[in-house]
Amino acid sequence: MRPAYTLIACITGMALAFVEGQWVVFVPLLLVGLGQAVSLVRQVRAQDRQDDGEDER
């Protein structure tokens, strides 16, 4: 699954878990969401570097 979609699903799940007070569900979703956010940032940075390399040609 793409990092962006997984991140959206984690944020939605965290919001529902927070409202319901289900910390046992909230914390793992938070950790997965943070991992997906890091993955998404790395993906975007790699794409930016690739785009910069193509512009210099």
PDB file of N, CA and C in Angstrom:
ATOM      1  N   MET A   1       0.851  -1.185   0.000  1.00  0.00           N
ATOM      2  CA  MET A   1       0.000   0.000   0.000  1.00  0.00           C
ATOM      3  C   MET A   1       0.893   1.244   0.000  1.00  0.00           C
ATOM      4  N   ARG A   2       0.475   2.259  -0.676  1.00  0.00           N
ATOM      5  CA  ARG A   2       1.258   3.492  -0.748  1.00  0.00           C
ATOM      6  C   ARG A   2       1.346   4.160   0.617  1.00  0.00           C
ATOM      7  N   PRO A   3       2.502   4.788   0.910  1.00  0.00           N
ATOM      8  CA  PRO A   3       2.665   5.441   2.214  1.00  0.00           C
ATOM      9  C   PRO A   3       1.606   6.508   2.498  1.00  0.00           C
ATOM     10  N   ALA A   4       1.192   7.252   1.482  1.00  0.00           N
ATOM     11  CA  ALA A   4       0.210   8.318   1.707  1.00  0.00           C
ATOM     12  C   ALA A   4      -1.135   7.735   2.145  1.00  0.00           C
ATOM     13  N   TYR A   5      -1.575   6.655   1.489  1.00  0.00           N
ATOM     14  CA  TYR A   5      -2.848   6.048   1.849  1.00  0.00           C
ATOM     15  C   TYR A   5      -2.783   5.421   3.242  1.00  0.00           C
ATOM     16  N   THR A   6      -1.664   4.781   3.545  1.00  0.00           N
ATOM     17  CA  THR A   6      -1.490   4.177   4.860  1.00  0.00           C
ATOM     18  C   THR A   6      -1.475   5.256   5.930  1.00  0.00           C
ATOM     19  N   LEU A   7      -0.834   6.378   5.649  1.00  0.00           N
ATOM     20  CA  LEU A   7      -0.788   7.477   6.602  1.00  0.00           C
ATOM     21  C   LEU A   7      -2.188   8.035   6.859  1.00  0.00           C
ATOM     22  N   ILE A   8      -2.980   8.194   5.811  1.00  0.00           N
ATOM     23  CA  ILE A   8      -4.359   8.680   5.968  1.00  0.00           C
ATOM     24  C   ILE A   8      -5.174   7.696   6.804  1.00  0.00           C
ATOM     25  N   ALA A   9      -5.014   6.412   6.548  1.00  0.00           N
ATOM     26  CA  ALA A   9      -5.735   5.397   7.321  1.00  0.00           C
ATOM     27  C   ALA A   9      -5.308   5.418   8.791  1.00  0.00           C
ATOM     28  N   CYS A  10      -4.018   5.609   9.043  1.00  0.00           N
ATOM     29  CA  CYS A  10      -3.521   5.667  10.419  1.00  0.00           C
ATOM     30  C   CYS A  10      -4.069   6.890  11.144  1.00  0.00           C
ATOM     31  N   ILE A  11      -4.093   8.029  10.469  1.00  0.00           N
ATOM     32  CA  ILE A  11      -4.609   9.255  11.098  1.00  0.00           C
ATOM     33  C   ILE A  11      -6.093   9.088  11.428  1.00  0.00           C
ATOM     34  N   THR A  12      -6.844   8.494  10.517  1.00  0.00           N
ATOM     35  CA  THR A  12      -8.263   8.263  10.767  1.00  0.00           C
ATOM     36  C   THR A  12      -8.460   7.309  11.947  1.00  0.00           C
ATOM     37  N   GLY A  13      -7.689   6.230  11.949  1.00  0.00           N
ATOM     38  CA  GLY A  13      -7.774   5.270  13.057  1.00  0.00           C
ATOM     39  C   GLY A  13      -7.356   5.883  14.381  1.00  0.00           C
ATOM     40  N   MET A  14      -6.317   6.725  14.356  1.00  0.00           N
ATOM     41  CA  MET A  14      -5.867   7.374  15.592  1.00  0.00           C
ATOM     42  C   MET A  14      -6.939   8.315  16.118  1.00  0.00           C
ATOM     43  N   ALA A  15      -7.597   9.048  15.229  1.00  0.00           N
ATOM     44  CA  ALA A  15      -8.650   9.963  15.663  1.00  0.00           C
ATOM     45  C   ALA A  15      -9.788   9.194  16.328  1.00  0.00           C
ATOM     46  N   LEU A  16     -10.197   8.091  15.714  1.00  0.00           N
ATOM     47  CA  LEU A  16     -11.279   7.287  16.293  1.00  0.00           C
ATOM     48  C   LEU A  16     -10.854   6.668  17.618  1.00  0.00           C
ATOM     49  N   ALA A  17      -9.628   6.157  17.678  1.00  0.00           N
ATOM     50  CA  ALA A  17      -9.131   5.548  18.914  1.00  0.00           C
ATOM     51  C   ALA A  17      -9.007   6.594  20.022  1.00  0.00           C
ATOM     52  N   PHE A  18      -8.587   7.799  19.679  1.00  0.00           N
ATOM     53  CA  PHE A  18      -8.452   8.865  20.664  1.00  0.00           C
ATOM     54  C   PHE A  18      -9.813   9.254  21.241  1.00  0.00           C
ATOM     55  N   VAL A  19     -10.798   9.386  20.359  1.00  0.00           N
ATOM     56  CA  VAL A  19     -12.144   9.759  20.805  1.00  0.00           C
ATOM     57  C   VAL A  19     -12.723   8.680  21.724  1.00  0.00           C
ATOM     58  N   GLU A  20     -12.474   7.435  21.391  1.00  0.00           N
ATOM     59  CA  GLU A  20     -13.000   6.321  22.184  1.00  0.00           C
ATOM     60  C   GLU A  20     -12.142   6.014  23.412  1.00  0.00           C
ATOM     61  N   GLY A  21     -10.955   6.620  23.503  1.00  0.00           N
ATOM     62  CA  GLY A  21     -10.066   6.373  24.640  1.00  0.00           C
ATOM     63  C   GLY A  21      -9.359   5.030  24.570  1.00  0.00           C
ATOM     64  N   GLN A  22      -9.200   4.499  23.389  1.00  0.00           N
ATOM     65  CA  GLN A  22      -8.556   3.199  23.201  1.00  0.00           C
ATOM     66  C   GLN A  22      -7.054   3.380  22.970  1.00  0.00           C
ATOM     67  N   TRP A  23      -6.304   3.574  24.030  1.00  0.00           N
ATOM     68  CA  TRP A  23      -4.867   3.842  23.915  1.00  0.00           C
ATOM     69  C   TRP A  23      -4.098   2.643  23.388  1.00  0.00           C
ATOM     70  N   VAL A  24      -4.634   1.438  23.625  1.00  0.00           N
ATOM     71  CA  VAL A  24      -3.974   0.228  23.135  1.00  0.00           C
ATOM     72  C   VAL A  24      -3.976   0.204  21.604  1.00  0.00           C
ATOM     73  N   VAL A  25      -4.954   0.828  20.995  1.00  0.00           N
ATOM     74  CA  VAL A  25      -5.035   0.919  19.536  1.00  0.00           C
ATOM     75  C   VAL A  25      -4.307   2.166  19.042  1.00  0.00           C
ATOM     76  N   PHE A  26      -4.401   3.252  19.798  1.00  0.00           N
ATOM     77  CA  PHE A  26      -3.840   4.541  19.380  1.00  0.00           C
ATOM     78  C   PHE A  26      -2.320   4.487  19.231  1.00  0.00           C
ATOM     79  N   VAL A  27      -1.633   3.927  20.209  1.00  0.00           N
ATOM     80  CA  VAL A  27      -0.165   3.947  20.207  1.00  0.00           C
ATOM     81  C   VAL A  27       0.431   3.183  19.026  1.00  0.00           C
ATOM     82  N   PRO A  28      -0.006   1.948  18.731  1.00  0.00           N
ATOM     83  CA  PRO A  28       0.554   1.276  17.541  1.00  0.00           C
ATOM     84  C   PRO A  28       0.265   2.020  16.241  1.00  0.00           C
ATOM     85  N   LEU A  29      -0.945   2.591  16.129  1.00  0.00           N
ATOM     86  CA  LEU A  29      -1.262   3.360  14.927  1.00  0.00           C
ATOM     87  C   LEU A  29      -0.371   4.589  14.825  1.00  0.00           C
ATOM     88  N   LEU A  30      -0.064   5.203  15.961  1.00  0.00           N
ATOM     89  CA  LEU A  30       0.840   6.342  15.972  1.00  0.00           C
ATOM     90  C   LEU A  30       2.215   5.944  15.464  1.00  0.00           C
ATOM     91  N   LEU A  31       2.721   4.813  15.916  1.00  0.00           N
ATOM     92  CA  LEU A  31       4.043   4.353  15.482  1.00  0.00           C
ATOM     93  C   LEU A  31       4.064   4.016  13.990  1.00  0.00           C
ATOM     94  N   VAL A  32       3.033   3.343  13.514  1.00  0.00           N
ATOM     95  CA  VAL A  32       2.948   3.024  12.083  1.00  0.00           C
ATOM     96  C   VAL A  32       2.827   4.305  11.269  1.00  0.00           C
ATOM     97  N   GLY A  33       2.020   5.242  11.747  1.00  0.00           N
ATOM     98  CA  GLY A  33       1.848   6.518  11.051  1.00  0.00           C
ATOM     99  C   GLY A  33       3.143   7.299  10.963  1.00  0.00           C
ATOM    100  N   LEU A  34       3.920   7.313  12.043  1.00  0.00           N
ATOM    101  CA  LEU A  34       5.211   8.006  12.012  1.00  0.00           C
ATOM    102  C   LEU A  34       6.161   7.350  11.012  1.00  0.00           C
ATOM    103  N   GLY A  35       6.165   6.033  10.993  1.00  0.00           N
ATOM    104  CA  GLY A  35       7.011   5.319  10.021  1.00  0.00           C
ATOM    105  C   GLY A  35       6.604   5.623   8.590  1.00  0.00           C
ATOM    106  N   GLN A  36       5.319   5.678   8.338  1.00  0.00           N
ATOM    107  CA  GLN A  36       4.838   5.979   6.993  1.00  0.00           C
ATOM    108  C   GLN A  36       5.129   7.425   6.610  1.00  0.00           C
ATOM    109  N   ALA A  37       5.055   8.338   7.588  1.00  0.00           N
ATOM    110  CA  ALA A  37       5.370   9.739   7.305  1.00  0.00           C
ATOM    111  C   ALA A  37       6.837   9.880   6.917  1.00  0.00           C
ATOM    112  N   VAL A  38       7.717   9.181   7.621  1.00  0.00           N
ATOM    113  CA  VAL A  38       9.146   9.218   7.278  1.00  0.00           C
ATOM    114  C   VAL A  38       9.364   8.638   5.890  1.00  0.00           C
ATOM    115  N   SER A  39       8.697   7.546   5.581  1.00  0.00           N
ATOM    116  CA  SER A  39       8.821   6.928   4.262  1.00  0.00           C
ATOM    117  C   SER A  39       8.334   7.869   3.166  1.00  0.00           C
ATOM    118  N   LEU A  40       7.241   8.568   3.423  1.00  0.00           N
ATOM    119  CA  LEU A  40       6.686   9.501   2.444  1.00  0.00           C
ATOM    120  C   LEU A  40       7.640  10.677   2.212  1.00  0.00           C
ATOM    121  N   VAL A  41       8.236  11.202   3.281  1.00  0.00           N
ATOM    122  CA  VAL A  41       9.192  12.303   3.149  1.00  0.00           C
ATOM    123  C   VAL A  41      10.403  11.860   2.345  1.00  0.00           C
ATOM    124  N   ARG A  42      10.900  10.664   2.612  1.00  0.00           N
ATOM    125  CA  ARG A  42      12.053  10.152   1.848  1.00  0.00           C
ATOM    126  C   ARG A  42      11.713   9.997   0.374  1.00  0.00           C
ATOM    127  N   GLN A  43      10.501   9.517   0.097  1.00  0.00           N
ATOM    128  CA  GLN A  43      10.062   9.332  -1.282  1.00  0.00           C
ATOM    129  C   GLN A  43       9.991  10.675  -2.007  1.00  0.00           C
ATOM    130  N   VAL A  44       9.447  11.676  -1.351  1.00  0.00           N
ATOM    131  CA  VAL A  44       9.320  13.003  -1.968  1.00  0.00           C
ATOM    132  C   VAL A  44      10.696  13.619  -2.192  1.00  0.00           C
ATOM    133  N   ARG A  45      11.596  13.479  -1.232  1.00  0.00           N
ATOM    134  CA  ARG A  45      12.953  14.019  -1.392  1.00  0.00           C
ATOM    135  C   ARG A  45      13.700  13.334  -2.537  1.00  0.00           C
ATOM    136  N   ALA A  46      13.532  12.031  -2.652  1.00  0.00           N
ATOM    137  CA  ALA A  46      14.180  11.306  -3.746  1.00  0.00           C
ATOM    138  C   ALA A  46      13.628  11.781  -5.088  1.00  0.00           C
ATOM    139  N   GLN A  47      12.332  12.002  -5.151  1.00  0.00           N
ATOM    140  CA  GLN A  47      11.725  12.496  -6.393  1.00  0.00           C
ATOM    141  C   GLN A  47      12.238  13.892  -6.718  1.00  0.00           C
ATOM    142  N   ASP A  48      12.378  14.746  -5.696  1.00  0.00           N
ATOM    143  CA  ASP A  48      12.910  16.098  -5.920  1.00  0.00           C
ATOM    144  C   ASP A  48      14.332  16.053  -6.447  1.00  0.00           C
ATOM    145  N   ARG A  49      15.144  15.166  -5.882  1.00  0.00           N
ATOM    146  CA  ARG A  49      16.537  15.038  -6.367  1.00  0.00           C
ATOM    147  C   ARG A  49      16.560  14.565  -7.812  1.00  0.00           C
ATOM    148  N   GLN A  50      15.671  13.625  -8.136  1.00  0.00           N
ATOM    149  CA  GLN A  50      15.602  13.117  -9.501  1.00  0.00           C
ATOM    150  C   GLN A  50      15.160  14.233 -10.452  1.00  0.00           C
ATOM    151  N   ASP A  51      14.194  15.027 -10.037  1.00  0.00           N
ATOM    152  CA  ASP A  51      13.723  16.133 -10.869  1.00  0.00           C
ATOM    153  C   ASP A  51      14.814  17.184 -11.059  1.00  0.00           C
ATOM    154  N   ASP A  52      15.581  17.461 -10.002  1.00  0.00           N
ATOM    155  CA  ASP A  52      16.678  18.427 -10.105  1.00  0.00           C
ATOM    156  C   ASP A  52      17.744  17.939 -11.071  1.00  0.00           C
ATOM    157  N   GLY A  53      18.013  16.647 -11.064  1.00  0.00           N
ATOM    158  CA  GLY A  53      18.993  16.079 -11.978  1.00  0.00           C
ATOM    159  C   GLY A  53      18.549  16.183 -13.423  1.00  0.00           C
ATOM    160  N   GLU A  54      17.269  16.037 -13.673  1.00  0.00           N
ATOM    161  CA  GLU A  54      16.750  16.139 -15.032  1.00  0.00           C
ATOM    162  C   GLU A  54      16.759  17.589 -15.509  1.00  0.00           C
ATOM    163  N   ASP A  55      16.586  18.552 -14.602  1.00  0.00           N
ATOM    164  CA  ASP A  55      16.580  19.964 -14.971  1.00  0.00           C
ATOM    165  C   ASP A  55      17.963  20.442 -15.398  1.00  0.00           C
ATOM    166  N   GLU A  56      19.015  19.842 -14.823  1.00  0.00           N
ATOM    167  CA  GLU A  56      20.370  20.286 -15.125  1.00  0.00           C
ATOM    168  C   GLU A  56      20.837  19.827 -16.500  1.00  0.00           C
ATOM    169  N   ARG A  57      20.168  18.853 -17.084  1.00  0.00           N
ATOM    170  CA  ARG A  57      20.589  18.326 -18.393  1.00  0.00           C
ATOM    171  C   ARG A  57      20.289  19.265 -19.505  1.00  0.00           C
TER     172      ARG A  57
END
